[in-house]
Each structure stands twice: as structure tokens, then as C-alpha cells.
Amino acid sequence: MKAERDWIYAAAALTALCVVLALGLMPRIDGLLPALRILPAWMLGTVIAGIIMLFGQMAVNKVESPAAEFANIWRTQRPRVFAALAILLLAGLNMVSFMWVKTLLNYLVPFWADPMLARADAAIFLGHDPWRLLAPYVFPAAGQVYHPLWFLIMIVLLAIAAWAPKSPQRSAVLMSYFILWSLAGPLIHCLLPAGGPIFYEAMGYGPRYADIVPTPETLGVAQYLWATYSTGSFGAGSGISAMPSMHVTMAAWMVIASAVIAPRTLVPVSIACGVVAMLSVALGWHYALDGIVGGIVALAVYRANLAWFTRRQSGGSEAVPAAA
């Protein structure tokens, strides 16, 4: 399927572009190492996620011998296994390149949009700062849901997409993943560079968000991010960016991916991603508008990709499969 090759080439080009940008602008080479160390853990995590996904599929299909089924997959579908691993490796490299670019943008593009986004939030919510409306719903494990659980759901769905049969829907889901991280996130950040409510006072904008009480996990991450940013250093996942909320952007991508390639997971994934969107505001990481923009962009990118890949396939010899 030529369209399948097209998205892989495009995804690799986007990743390479971010890598070249980082190599060209990074002031010192040691700034590249912290994020690069994440790659082995990423591959291990995605492989484990893929195995869990296959076990789940076998349980649903009531396979009597999972070991025999794994052996059969390895014997009969080895090229598909290697293709899925290559996609996951490319996604990991893309994540590393995004971390490099995101940190660089903190020093190349000064923050200025926070007061405007704060006023926009208050206007949307009829004079109220939305975090105050959502703060009562913060629960003790909110930090674990917002970071580790969000990340786990993303890599599981990425593994499912990498293993799914080829189709315009699958190509659109995977291509959207790379566009959102490599293109949409950095470009929107450059247009509206903002640190977020949790850093509002530290950036000198006043005590508007001083009443936010972060959870221990949130406080630890915020202190790490601000220490890295304020000293001009580089660390793994150290970039600060409020607009768009990539947590919510990718949560929207997860819901789309779930609906398209794993519809049985749609309800729990939607609930978890809705909680992430709520926590992005309640914990002080983002203005509500950050998530609204991110969700709209995720849907628009997917729909544009789906239209493109559907046209590409319908113009060939293969029939277009029914939409999920």
C-alpha cells in the first residue's frame, strides 16, 4: 500500500527535521543526552505494552495456549512484528526530538502570552478562573493519573496502532501522532508562548494563581521544571509550555485512536482522558483554553489525514475499508 509508505516517510522526515533543528541550535552537546537516555525505557515500555495488548486480545478470543499463539505469530508474521517495532522506535525518536525542541523553545521564544490566556479563560467562564471551579475535584492520586497513567495509555494505544492492519484510518492515526508532536505543538507554542498558571507568579505576572495548592507530585515536577528553566540548563522532559496542552492534545488523540482502532477500549480511555483534561486545569498546569485548542487541533489533524489517506487509497487498486 503506497499510502502506508507515504506516512512512514513523512513521519521520519518530521522526526529528522526536529533532530536537525535541535543539533543546529543546542548550545552544548550535553543538552542532548538527558532526553536520549529515555529511548531504551521507551522501547521497553512499548514492547511490554504490545505484549499486554496481544495477551488481552487472546483473552478476548479465548485462546487456549498464549505461548503457542506467540510462537505462531513469530513464525508466520515476523515481518509485521519488525514493522511494528520500527514504528515504535521511530515514535520514540520523535518523542526525544520533541523534548529537545521543546526545551530549546523556552530559551529562543520568550514567554509573553500568559496574561492574555488568563483573561481569555476568565471571559470564557464568565469572570471565573476555571481552576477554582475544578480544584475541589482534585484527588490524592491526581499526579499519578496526570503523568504516568496518561503516558501508559498513550504507549498502549500507539502499540495497538502499530500492530493494527493497514488502512487509511490506521495511517491517519499514526501520522497524526507525529504531526501533533513535531509540528502542531511547537508551532502553536511559538505563536502563543506561555508557561502556565503554576508558573504565573514566578514569571512576574502577579499572585493571580497563588492559591493553587499543588499535589506533592505536581510540586516536585514543577520545581524540577522551573529549576531547569531558570538556570538555563537542559534535562529530560524539562521544557515548559502551556499552549497548547500536549497532555490534552494527546488525550484527544488517544480517544480518536481508541475509537478508530480499538473501539472496545473507548469508554475507559474516554473517561481517563476526560479526567486528564480536567486535571490539566485543576492542578494549575494549563489554562482551559490550552486544552480546548489542543483538542480541536488533534481532531482537525486526524480528519485532514483521514481525508488524504482515503483519497490516496481510493485512487489505487484497493477498495477503501469501512470506517471504524
C-alpha atoms as a PDB file:
ATOM      1  CA  MET A   1       0.000   0.000   0.000  1.00  0.00           C
ATOM      2  CA  LYS A   2       1.744   3.156  -1.230  1.00  0.00           C
ATOM      3  CA  ALA A   3      -0.124   5.415   1.197  1.00  0.00           C
ATOM      4  CA  GLU A   4       1.278   3.339   4.067  1.00  0.00           C
ATOM      5  CA  ARG A   5       4.811   4.020   2.863  1.00  0.00           C
ATOM      6  CA  ASP A   6       3.958   7.701   2.417  1.00  0.00           C
ATOM      7  CA  TRP A   7       3.066   8.250   6.082  1.00  0.00           C
ATOM      8  CA  ILE A   8       6.226   6.489   7.281  1.00  0.00           C
ATOM      9  CA  TYR A   9       8.378   8.667   5.038  1.00  0.00           C
ATOM     10  CA  ALA A  10       6.586  11.796   6.253  1.00  0.00           C
ATOM     11  CA  ALA A  11       6.854  10.773   9.916  1.00  0.00           C
ATOM     12  CA  ALA A  12      10.571  10.045   9.523  1.00  0.00           C
ATOM     13  CA  ALA A  13      11.067  13.410   7.790  1.00  0.00           C
ATOM     14  CA  LEU A  14       9.302  15.289  10.618  1.00  0.00           C
ATOM     15  CA  THR A  15      11.442  13.488  13.189  1.00  0.00           C
ATOM     16  CA  ALA A  16      14.626  14.195  11.235  1.00  0.00           C
ATOM     17  CA  LEU A  17      13.650  17.864  10.943  1.00  0.00           C
ATOM     18  CA  CYS A  18      13.302  18.154  14.730  1.00  0.00           C
ATOM     19  CA  VAL A  19      16.628  16.369  15.232  1.00  0.00           C
ATOM     20  CA  VAL A  20      18.428  18.671  12.774  1.00  0.00           C
ATOM     21  CA  LEU A  21      16.844  21.727  14.409  1.00  0.00           C
ATOM     22  CA  ALA A  22      17.969  20.565  17.844  1.00  0.00           C
ATOM     23  CA  LEU A  23      21.505  19.721  16.687  1.00  0.00           C
ATOM     24  CA  GLY A  24      21.815  23.085  14.985  1.00  0.00           C
ATOM     25  CA  LEU A  25      20.525  25.199  17.878  1.00  0.00           C
ATOM     26  CA  MET A  26      21.524  23.285  21.005  1.00  0.00           C
ATOM     27  CA  PRO A  27      24.215  25.422  22.678  1.00  0.00           C
ATOM     28  CA  ARG A  28      26.106  22.407  24.058  1.00  0.00           C
ATOM     29  CA  ILE A  29      26.098  18.733  23.228  1.00  0.00           C
ATOM     30  CA  ASP A  30      25.401  17.562  26.775  1.00  0.00           C
ATOM     31  CA  GLY A  31      21.956  19.113  26.419  1.00  0.00           C
ATOM     32  CA  LEU A  32      21.045  16.240  24.095  1.00  0.00           C
ATOM     33  CA  LEU A  33      21.914  13.413  26.455  1.00  0.00           C
ATOM     34  CA  PRO A  34      19.203  13.543  29.161  1.00  0.00           C
ATOM     35  CA  ALA A  35      16.296  13.050  26.756  1.00  0.00           C
ATOM     36  CA  LEU A  36      18.236  10.492  24.705  1.00  0.00           C
ATOM     37  CA  ARG A  37      18.528   8.260  27.777  1.00  0.00           C
ATOM     38  CA  ILE A  38      14.745   7.879  27.724  1.00  0.00           C
ATOM     39  CA  LEU A  39      14.802   5.915  24.453  1.00  0.00           C
ATOM     40  CA  PRO A  40      15.694   2.473  25.918  1.00  0.00           C
ATOM     41  CA  ALA A  41      12.946   2.837  28.546  1.00  0.00           C
ATOM     42  CA  TRP A  42      10.546   3.932  25.803  1.00  0.00           C
ATOM     43  CA  MET A  43      11.254   0.832  23.716  1.00  0.00           C
ATOM     44  CA  LEU A  44      10.959  -1.460  26.725  1.00  0.00           C
ATOM     45  CA  GLY A  45       7.677   0.183  27.725  1.00  0.00           C
ATOM     46  CA  THR A  46       6.164  -0.005  24.243  1.00  0.00           C
ATOM     47  CA  VAL A  47       7.203  -3.654  23.801  1.00  0.00           C
ATOM     48  CA  ILE A  48       5.631  -4.529  27.166  1.00  0.00           C
ATOM     49  CA  ALA A  49       2.518  -2.586  26.148  1.00  0.00           C
ATOM     50  CA  GLY A  50       2.385  -4.525  22.898  1.00  0.00           C
ATOM     51  CA  ILE A  51       2.671  -7.858  24.695  1.00  0.00           C
ATOM     52  CA  ILE A  52      -0.065  -6.848  27.136  1.00  0.00           C
ATOM     53  CA  MET A  53      -2.232  -5.832  24.192  1.00  0.00           C
ATOM     54  CA  LEU A  54      -1.715  -9.211  22.497  1.00  0.00           C
ATOM     55  CA  PHE A  55      -2.462 -11.055  25.738  1.00  0.00           C
ATOM     56  CA  GLY A  56      -5.666  -9.037  26.076  1.00  0.00           C
ATOM     57  CA  GLN A  57      -6.633  -9.871  22.518  1.00  0.00           C
ATOM     58  CA  MET A  58      -6.007 -13.564  23.177  1.00  0.00           C
ATOM     59  CA  ALA A  59      -8.100 -13.442  26.341  1.00  0.00           C
ATOM     60  CA  VAL A  60     -10.996 -11.875  24.433  1.00  0.00           C
ATOM     61  CA  ASN A  61     -10.678 -14.527  21.726  1.00  0.00           C
ATOM     62  CA  LYS A  62     -10.334 -17.289  24.372  1.00  0.00           C
ATOM     63  CA  VAL A  63      -7.039 -18.610  23.031  1.00  0.00           C
ATOM     64  CA  GLU A  64      -6.175 -21.825  24.881  1.00  0.00           C
ATOM     65  CA  SER A  65      -2.368 -21.555  24.661  1.00  0.00           C
ATOM     66  CA  PRO A  66      -0.943 -17.991  24.586  1.00  0.00           C
ATOM     67  CA  ALA A  67       2.608 -19.352  24.318  1.00  0.00           C
ATOM     68  CA  ALA A  68       1.707 -21.354  21.212  1.00  0.00           C
ATOM     69  CA  GLU A  69      -0.055 -18.313  19.756  1.00  0.00           C
ATOM     70  CA  PHE A  70       3.007 -16.103  20.323  1.00  0.00           C
ATOM     71  CA  ALA A  71       5.166 -18.742  18.651  1.00  0.00           C
ATOM     72  CA  ASN A  72       2.758 -18.833  15.727  1.00  0.00           C
ATOM     73  CA  ILE A  73       2.815 -15.043  15.390  1.00  0.00           C
ATOM     74  CA  TRP A  74       6.621 -15.065  15.383  1.00  0.00           C
ATOM     75  CA  ARG A  75       6.723 -17.842  12.789  1.00  0.00           C
ATOM     76  CA  THR A  76       4.053 -16.538  10.425  1.00  0.00           C
ATOM     77  CA  GLN A  77       4.041 -12.759  10.957  1.00  0.00           C
ATOM     78  CA  ARG A  78       7.660 -11.901  11.627  1.00  0.00           C
ATOM     79  CA  PRO A  79       7.773  -9.031   9.085  1.00  0.00           C
ATOM     80  CA  ARG A  80       4.721  -7.491  10.764  1.00  0.00           C
ATOM     81  CA  VAL A  81       6.431  -7.770  14.170  1.00  0.00           C
ATOM     82  CA  PHE A  82       9.546  -5.991  12.890  1.00  0.00           C
ATOM     83  CA  ALA A  83       7.436  -3.329  11.164  1.00  0.00           C
ATOM     84  CA  ALA A  84       5.574  -2.624  14.415  1.00  0.00           C
ATOM     85  CA  LEU A  85       8.872  -2.402  16.330  1.00  0.00           C
ATOM     86  CA  ALA A  86      10.248   0.007  13.718  1.00  0.00           C
ATOM     87  CA  ILE A  87       7.178   2.240  14.090  1.00  0.00           C
ATOM     88  CA  LEU A  88       7.569   2.248  17.878  1.00  0.00           C
ATOM     89  CA  LEU A  89      11.278   3.058  17.584  1.00  0.00           C
ATOM     90  CA  LEU A  90      10.509   5.945  15.225  1.00  0.00           C
ATOM     91  CA  ALA A  91       7.861   7.201  17.660  1.00  0.00           C
ATOM     92  CA  GLY A  92      10.432   7.042  20.462  1.00  0.00           C
ATOM     93  CA  LEU A  93      12.958   9.021  18.439  1.00  0.00           C
ATOM     94  CA  ASN A  94      10.210  11.522  17.678  1.00  0.00           C
ATOM     95  CA  MET A  95       9.455  11.895  21.378  1.00  0.00           C
ATOM     96  CA  VAL A  96      13.140  12.510  22.126  1.00  0.00           C
ATOM     97  CA  SER A  97      13.395  15.096  19.345  1.00  0.00           C
ATOM     98  CA  PHE A  98      10.277  16.850  20.657  1.00  0.00           C
ATOM     99  CA  MET A  99      11.832  17.066  24.123  1.00  0.00           C
ATOM    100  CA  TRP A 100      14.923  18.681  22.626  1.00  0.00           C
ATOM    101  CA  VAL A 101      12.902  21.214  20.637  1.00  0.00           C
ATOM    102  CA  LYS A 102      10.523  21.974  23.498  1.00  0.00           C
ATOM    103  CA  THR A 103      13.401  22.821  25.846  1.00  0.00           C
ATOM    104  CA  LEU A 104      15.133  24.915  23.192  1.00  0.00           C
ATOM    105  CA  LEU A 105      11.981  26.952  22.568  1.00  0.00           C
ATOM    106  CA  ASN A 106      11.977  28.042  26.230  1.00  0.00           C
ATOM    107  CA  TYR A 107      15.204  29.928  25.574  1.00  0.00           C
ATOM    108  CA  LEU A 108      14.572  31.007  21.977  1.00  0.00           C
ATOM    109  CA  VAL A 109      10.936  32.204  22.292  1.00  0.00           C
ATOM    110  CA  PRO A 110      10.271  34.416  25.360  1.00  0.00           C
ATOM    111  CA  PHE A 111       7.046  33.803  27.291  1.00  0.00           C
ATOM    112  CA  TRP A 112       4.528  36.617  26.905  1.00  0.00           C
ATOM    113  CA  ALA A 113       1.041  35.115  26.405  1.00  0.00           C
ATOM    114  CA  ASP A 114       0.125  34.137  29.993  1.00  0.00           C
ATOM    115  CA  PRO A 115      -1.814  37.305  30.939  1.00  0.00           C
ATOM    116  CA  MET A 116      -3.776  37.151  27.691  1.00  0.00           C
ATOM    117  CA  LEU A 117      -4.649  33.474  28.169  1.00  0.00           C
ATOM    118  CA  ALA A 118      -5.648  34.104  31.785  1.00  0.00           C
ATOM    119  CA  ARG A 119      -8.019  36.872  30.691  1.00  0.00           C
ATOM    120  CA  ALA A 120      -9.423  34.677  27.914  1.00  0.00           C
ATOM    121  CA  ASP A 121     -10.090  31.880  30.401  1.00  0.00           C
ATOM    122  CA  ALA A 122     -11.956  34.234  32.714  1.00  0.00           C
ATOM    123  CA  ALA A 123     -14.008  35.563  29.798  1.00  0.00           C
ATOM    124  CA  ILE A 124     -14.960  32.047  28.656  1.00  0.00           C
ATOM    125  CA  PHE A 125     -16.003  31.081  32.198  1.00  0.00           C
ATOM    126  CA  LEU A 126     -18.000  34.256  32.860  1.00  0.00           C
ATOM    127  CA  GLY A 127     -15.497  36.013  35.082  1.00  0.00           C
ATOM    128  CA  HIS A 128     -14.211  32.930  36.922  1.00  0.00           C
ATOM    129  CA  ASP A 129     -10.760  31.370  36.712  1.00  0.00           C
ATOM    130  CA  PRO A 130     -11.662  27.777  35.750  1.00  0.00           C
ATOM    131  CA  TRP A 131      -9.109  26.155  38.054  1.00  0.00           C
ATOM    132  CA  ARG A 132     -11.124  27.424  41.029  1.00  0.00           C
ATOM    133  CA  LEU A 133     -14.200  25.613  39.721  1.00  0.00           C
ATOM    134  CA  LEU A 134     -12.266  22.359  39.239  1.00  0.00           C
ATOM    135  CA  ALA A 135      -9.927  22.409  42.253  1.00  0.00           C
ATOM    136  CA  PRO A 136     -12.465  20.638  44.553  1.00  0.00           C
ATOM    137  CA  TYR A 137     -12.285  17.593  42.266  1.00  0.00           C
ATOM    138  CA  VAL A 138      -8.535  17.046  42.693  1.00  0.00           C
ATOM    139  CA  PHE A 139      -7.963  13.666  44.368  1.00  0.00           C
ATOM    140  CA  PRO A 140      -4.898  12.208  46.168  1.00  0.00           C
ATOM    141  CA  ALA A 141      -3.610  10.214  43.180  1.00  0.00           C
ATOM    142  CA  ALA A 142      -4.163  13.048  40.682  1.00  0.00           C
ATOM    143  CA  GLY A 143      -0.450  13.385  39.962  1.00  0.00           C
ATOM    144  CA  GLN A 144      -0.136   9.715  39.037  1.00  0.00           C
ATOM    145  CA  VAL A 145      -3.159   9.915  36.734  1.00  0.00           C
ATOM    146  CA  TYR A 146      -1.976  13.104  35.046  1.00  0.00           C
ATOM    147  CA  HIS A 147       1.532  11.856  34.247  1.00  0.00           C
ATOM    148  CA  PRO A 148       2.177   8.068  34.450  1.00  0.00           C
ATOM    149  CA  LEU A 149      -1.328   6.840  33.575  1.00  0.00           C
ATOM    150  CA  TRP A 150      -1.638   9.316  30.705  1.00  0.00           C
ATOM    151  CA  PHE A 151       1.713   8.146  29.346  1.00  0.00           C
ATOM    152  CA  LEU A 152       0.815   4.465  29.757  1.00  0.00           C
ATOM    153  CA  ILE A 153      -2.462   4.834  27.845  1.00  0.00           C
ATOM    154  CA  MET A 154      -0.640   6.652  25.056  1.00  0.00           C
ATOM    155  CA  ILE A 155       2.017   3.986  24.533  1.00  0.00           C
ATOM    156  CA  VAL A 156      -0.543   1.156  24.730  1.00  0.00           C
ATOM    157  CA  LEU A 157      -2.653   2.777  22.007  1.00  0.00           C
ATOM    158  CA  LEU A 158       0.460   3.502  19.970  1.00  0.00           C
ATOM    159  CA  ALA A 159       1.420  -0.179  20.199  1.00  0.00           C
ATOM    160  CA  ILE A 160      -2.100  -1.218  19.173  1.00  0.00           C
ATOM    161  CA  ALA A 161      -1.969   1.158  16.198  1.00  0.00           C
ATOM    162  CA  ALA A 162       1.464  -0.116  15.168  1.00  0.00           C
ATOM    163  CA  TRP A 163       0.128  -3.703  15.154  1.00  0.00           C
ATOM    164  CA  ALA A 164      -3.240  -2.950  13.542  1.00  0.00           C
ATOM    165  CA  PRO A 165      -3.882  -3.977   9.909  1.00  0.00           C
ATOM    166  CA  LYS A 166      -3.084  -1.369   7.300  1.00  0.00           C
ATOM    167  CA  SER A 167      -5.921   1.013   6.471  1.00  0.00           C
ATOM    168  CA  PRO A 168      -6.466   4.742   5.861  1.00  0.00           C
ATOM    169  CA  GLN A 169      -7.738   5.043   9.446  1.00  0.00           C
ATOM    170  CA  ARG A 170      -4.577   3.484  10.901  1.00  0.00           C
ATOM    171  CA  SER A 171      -2.339   5.626   8.693  1.00  0.00           C
ATOM    172  CA  ALA A 172      -4.267   8.752   9.735  1.00  0.00           C
ATOM    173  CA  VAL A 173      -3.973   7.886  13.441  1.00  0.00           C
ATOM    174  CA  LEU A 174      -0.225   7.238  13.248  1.00  0.00           C
ATOM    175  CA  MET A 175       0.548  10.221  11.026  1.00  0.00           C
ATOM    176  CA  SER A 176      -1.470  12.459  13.351  1.00  0.00           C
ATOM    177  CA  TYR A 177       0.678  11.313  16.280  1.00  0.00           C
ATOM    178  CA  PHE A 178       3.842  12.584  14.568  1.00  0.00           C
ATOM    179  CA  ILE A 179       2.290  15.808  13.290  1.00  0.00           C
ATOM    180  CA  LEU A 180       0.924  16.740  16.706  1.00  0.00           C
ATOM    181  CA  TRP A 181       4.252  16.255  18.475  1.00  0.00           C
ATOM    182  CA  SER A 182       6.623  17.527  15.788  1.00  0.00           C
ATOM    183  CA  LEU A 183       4.653  20.281  14.099  1.00  0.00           C
ATOM    184  CA  ALA A 184       1.460  21.416  15.813  1.00  0.00           C
ATOM    185  CA  GLY A 185       2.818  21.596  19.368  1.00  0.00           C
ATOM    186  CA  PRO A 186       5.991  23.587  18.621  1.00  0.00           C
ATOM    187  CA  LEU A 187       4.324  25.925  16.110  1.00  0.00           C
ATOM    188  CA  ILE A 188       1.438  26.851  18.405  1.00  0.00           C
ATOM    189  CA  HIS A 189       3.906  27.322  21.264  1.00  0.00           C
ATOM    190  CA  CYS A 190       5.851  29.787  19.118  1.00  0.00           C
ATOM    191  CA  LEU A 191       2.659  31.716  18.325  1.00  0.00           C
ATOM    192  CA  LEU A 192       1.448  31.853  21.953  1.00  0.00           C
ATOM    193  CA  PRO A 193       4.395  31.124  24.258  1.00  0.00           C
ATOM    194  CA  ALA A 194       3.117  30.684  27.822  1.00  0.00           C
ATOM    195  CA  GLY A 195       4.354  28.993  30.978  1.00  0.00           C
ATOM    196  CA  GLY A 196       1.006  28.195  32.564  1.00  0.00           C
ATOM    197  CA  PRO A 197      -0.790  29.157  35.787  1.00  0.00           C
ATOM    198  CA  ILE A 198       1.580  27.201  38.020  1.00  0.00           C
ATOM    199  CA  PHE A 199       4.468  29.459  36.914  1.00  0.00           C
ATOM    200  CA  TYR A 200       2.412  32.668  36.605  1.00  0.00           C
ATOM    201  CA  GLU A 201       3.787  34.364  39.714  1.00  0.00           C
ATOM    202  CA  ALA A 202       7.349  33.138  39.179  1.00  0.00           C
ATOM    203  CA  MET A 203       7.308  34.778  35.737  1.00  0.00           C
ATOM    204  CA  GLY A 204       6.432  38.100  37.365  1.00  0.00           C
ATOM    205  CA  TYR A 205       2.766  38.366  36.421  1.00  0.00           C
ATOM    206  CA  GLY A 206       1.412  38.623  39.954  1.00  0.00           C
ATOM    207  CA  PRO A 207      -0.370  36.396  42.510  1.00  0.00           C
ATOM    208  CA  ARG A 208      -3.468  35.579  40.454  1.00  0.00           C
ATOM    209  CA  TYR A 209      -2.837  31.830  40.819  1.00  0.00           C
ATOM    210  CA  ALA A 210      -1.095  31.884  44.189  1.00  0.00           C
ATOM    211  CA  ASP A 211      -3.964  29.994  45.837  1.00  0.00           C
ATOM    212  CA  ILE A 212      -3.361  26.857  43.762  1.00  0.00           C
ATOM    213  CA  VAL A 213      -2.344  24.048  46.132  1.00  0.00           C
ATOM    214  CA  PRO A 214      -0.333  21.536  44.088  1.00  0.00           C
ATOM    215  CA  THR A 215      -0.242  17.845  44.936  1.00  0.00           C
ATOM    216  CA  PRO A 216       3.179  16.523  46.055  1.00  0.00           C
ATOM    217  CA  GLU A 217       3.825  15.024  42.594  1.00  0.00           C
ATOM    218  CA  THR A 218       2.816  18.250  40.861  1.00  0.00           C
ATOM    219  CA  LEU A 219       5.020  20.324  43.154  1.00  0.00           C
ATOM    220  CA  GLY A 220       8.018  18.072  42.551  1.00  0.00           C
ATOM    221  CA  VAL A 221       7.681  18.226  38.774  1.00  0.00           C
ATOM    222  CA  ALA A 222       7.070  21.992  38.821  1.00  0.00           C
ATOM    223  CA  GLN A 223      10.164  22.608  40.944  1.00  0.00           C
ATOM    224  CA  TYR A 224      12.257  20.497  38.579  1.00  0.00           C
ATOM    225  CA  LEU A 225      10.953  22.317  35.501  1.00  0.00           C
ATOM    226  CA  TRP A 226      11.451  25.774  36.971  1.00  0.00           C
ATOM    227  CA  ALA A 227      14.931  24.978  38.311  1.00  0.00           C
ATOM    228  CA  THR A 228      15.972  23.700  34.874  1.00  0.00           C
ATOM    229  CA  TYR A 229      14.460  26.663  33.062  1.00  0.00           C
ATOM    230  CA  SER A 230      15.674  29.375  35.429  1.00  0.00           C
ATOM    231  CA  THR A 231      19.274  28.126  35.322  1.00  0.00           C
ATOM    232  CA  GLY A 232      19.323  27.794  31.542  1.00  0.00           C
ATOM    233  CA  SER A 233      20.117  24.097  31.743  1.00  0.00           C
ATOM    234  CA  PHE A 234      18.690  21.039  29.990  1.00  0.00           C
ATOM    235  CA  GLY A 235      17.034  17.961  31.396  1.00  0.00           C
ATOM    236  CA  ALA A 236      14.878  15.042  30.322  1.00  0.00           C
ATOM    237  CA  GLY A 237      11.362  16.327  29.688  1.00  0.00           C
ATOM    238  CA  SER A 238      12.317  19.727  31.066  1.00  0.00           C
ATOM    239  CA  GLY A 239      10.559  22.043  28.612  1.00  0.00           C
ATOM    240  CA  ILE A 240       7.790  24.356  29.836  1.00  0.00           C
ATOM    241  CA  SER A 241       4.844  25.013  27.536  1.00  0.00           C
ATOM    242  CA  ALA A 242       1.222  25.793  28.329  1.00  0.00           C
ATOM    243  CA  MET A 243      -0.236  26.452  24.879  1.00  0.00           C
ATOM    244  CA  PRO A 244      -1.264  24.042  23.544  1.00  0.00           C
ATOM    245  CA  SER A 245      -1.667  21.500  26.319  1.00  0.00           C
ATOM    246  CA  MET A 246       0.061  18.476  24.820  1.00  0.00           C
ATOM    247  CA  HIS A 247      -1.428  16.395  27.630  1.00  0.00           C
ATOM    248  CA  VAL A 248      -4.917  17.268  26.400  1.00  0.00           C
ATOM    249  CA  THR A 249      -3.921  17.268  22.733  1.00  0.00           C
ATOM    250  CA  MET A 250      -2.634  13.718  23.054  1.00  0.00           C
ATOM    251  CA  ALA A 251      -5.572  12.746  25.267  1.00  0.00           C
ATOM    252  CA  ALA A 252      -7.812  13.760  22.356  1.00  0.00           C
ATOM    253  CA  TRP A 253      -5.578  11.717  20.035  1.00  0.00           C
ATOM    254  CA  MET A 254      -5.989   8.737  22.381  1.00  0.00           C
ATOM    255  CA  VAL A 255      -9.774   8.974  22.233  1.00  0.00           C
ATOM    256  CA  ILE A 256      -9.623   9.160  18.429  1.00  0.00           C
ATOM    257  CA  ALA A 257      -7.185   6.237  18.234  1.00  0.00           C
ATOM    258  CA  SER A 258      -9.340   4.213  20.607  1.00  0.00           C
ATOM    259  CA  ALA A 259     -12.500   4.856  18.592  1.00  0.00           C
ATOM    260  CA  VAL A 260     -10.813   4.011  15.297  1.00  0.00           C
ATOM    261  CA  ILE A 261      -8.588   1.016  16.054  1.00  0.00           C
ATOM    262  CA  ALA A 262      -9.646  -0.306  19.483  1.00  0.00           C
ATOM    263  CA  PRO A 263     -13.339   0.548  19.992  1.00  0.00           C
ATOM    264  CA  ARG A 264     -13.672  -1.845  22.942  1.00  0.00           C
ATOM    265  CA  THR A 265     -11.399   0.483  24.933  1.00  0.00           C
ATOM    266  CA  LEU A 266     -13.262   3.673  24.009  1.00  0.00           C
ATOM    267  CA  VAL A 267     -15.279   4.091  27.224  1.00  0.00           C
ATOM    268  CA  PRO A 268     -12.421   3.655  29.743  1.00  0.00           C
ATOM    269  CA  VAL A 269      -9.998   5.633  27.573  1.00  0.00           C
ATOM    270  CA  SER A 270     -12.502   8.484  27.201  1.00  0.00           C
ATOM    271  CA  ILE A 271     -13.119   8.594  30.957  1.00  0.00           C
ATOM    272  CA  ALA A 272      -9.394   8.601  31.746  1.00  0.00           C
ATOM    273  CA  CYS A 273      -8.683  11.282  29.143  1.00  0.00           C
ATOM    274  CA  GLY A 274     -11.557  13.416  30.416  1.00  0.00           C
ATOM    275  CA  VAL A 275     -10.021  13.260  33.885  1.00  0.00           C
ATOM    276  CA  VAL A 276      -6.637  14.263  32.433  1.00  0.00           C
ATOM    277  CA  ALA A 277      -8.240  17.268  30.709  1.00  0.00           C
ATOM    278  CA  MET A 278      -9.885  18.320  33.977  1.00  0.00           C
ATOM    279  CA  LEU A 279      -6.645  17.883  35.947  1.00  0.00           C
ATOM    280  CA  SER A 280      -4.645  19.892  33.416  1.00  0.00           C
ATOM    281  CA  VAL A 281      -6.596  22.935  34.631  1.00  0.00           C
ATOM    282  CA  ALA A 282      -7.292  21.961  38.248  1.00  0.00           C
ATOM    283  CA  LEU A 283      -3.616  21.255  39.022  1.00  0.00           C
ATOM    284  CA  GLY A 284      -2.526  24.571  37.511  1.00  0.00           C
ATOM    285  CA  TRP A 285      -0.545  23.238  34.586  1.00  0.00           C
ATOM    286  CA  HIS A 286      -2.705  24.788  31.891  1.00  0.00           C
ATOM    287  CA  TYR A 287      -5.283  27.404  31.095  1.00  0.00           C
ATOM    288  CA  ALA A 288      -8.552  25.856  29.937  1.00  0.00           C
ATOM    289  CA  LEU A 289      -8.003  27.401  26.516  1.00  0.00           C
ATOM    290  CA  ASP A 290      -4.781  25.373  26.137  1.00  0.00           C
ATOM    291  CA  GLY A 291      -6.751  22.136  26.224  1.00  0.00           C
ATOM    292  CA  ILE A 292      -9.604  23.457  24.086  1.00  0.00           C
ATOM    293  CA  VAL A 293      -7.152  24.442  21.354  1.00  0.00           C
ATOM    294  CA  GLY A 294      -5.248  21.177  21.698  1.00  0.00           C
ATOM    295  CA  GLY A 295      -8.382  19.054  21.355  1.00  0.00           C
ATOM    296  CA  ILE A 296      -9.593  20.967  18.305  1.00  0.00           C
ATOM    297  CA  VAL A 297      -6.178  20.688  16.659  1.00  0.00           C
ATOM    298  CA  ALA A 298      -5.987  16.928  17.333  1.00  0.00           C
ATOM    299  CA  LEU A 299      -9.376  16.338  15.715  1.00  0.00           C
ATOM    300  CA  ALA A 300      -8.617  18.618  12.758  1.00  0.00           C
ATOM    301  CA  VAL A 301      -5.259  16.945  12.111  1.00  0.00           C
ATOM    302  CA  TYR A 302      -6.807  13.477  12.208  1.00  0.00           C
ATOM    303  CA  ARG A 303      -9.682  14.413   9.917  1.00  0.00           C
ATOM    304  CA  ALA A 304      -7.301  16.020   7.417  1.00  0.00           C
ATOM    305  CA  ASN A 305      -5.066  12.951   7.445  1.00  0.00           C
ATOM    306  CA  LEU A 306      -8.018  10.602   7.082  1.00  0.00           C
ATOM    307  CA  ALA A 307      -9.293  12.506   4.058  1.00  0.00           C
ATOM    308  CA  TRP A 308      -5.818  12.435   2.498  1.00  0.00           C
ATOM    309  CA  PHE A 309      -5.187   8.714   3.026  1.00  0.00           C
ATOM    310  CA  THR A 310      -8.711   7.769   1.973  1.00  0.00           C
ATOM    311  CA  ARG A 311      -8.253   9.644  -1.305  1.00  0.00           C
ATOM    312  CA  ARG A 312      -4.824   8.066  -1.802  1.00  0.00           C
ATOM    313  CA  GLN A 313      -6.172   4.555  -1.350  1.00  0.00           C
ATOM    314  CA  SER A 314      -9.374   5.047  -3.331  1.00  0.00           C
ATOM    315  CA  GLY A 315      -7.256   6.252  -6.231  1.00  0.00           C
ATOM    316  CA  GLY A 316      -5.399   2.927  -6.231  1.00  0.00           C
ATOM    317  CA  SER A 317      -6.457  -0.589  -6.927  1.00  0.00           C
ATOM    318  CA  GLU A 318      -7.555  -1.470  -3.398  1.00  0.00           C
ATOM    319  CA  ALA A 319     -11.028  -0.768  -2.052  1.00  0.00           C
ATOM    320  CA  VAL A 320     -11.434   1.586   0.872  1.00  0.00           C
ATOM    321  CA  PRO A 321     -12.353  -0.304   4.086  1.00  0.00           C
ATOM    322  CA  ALA A 322     -15.372   0.774   6.049  1.00  0.00           C
ATOM    323  CA  ALA A 323     -14.658   3.462   8.636  1.00  0.00           C
ATOM    324  CA  ALA A 324     -14.476   2.237  12.210  1.00  0.00           C
END
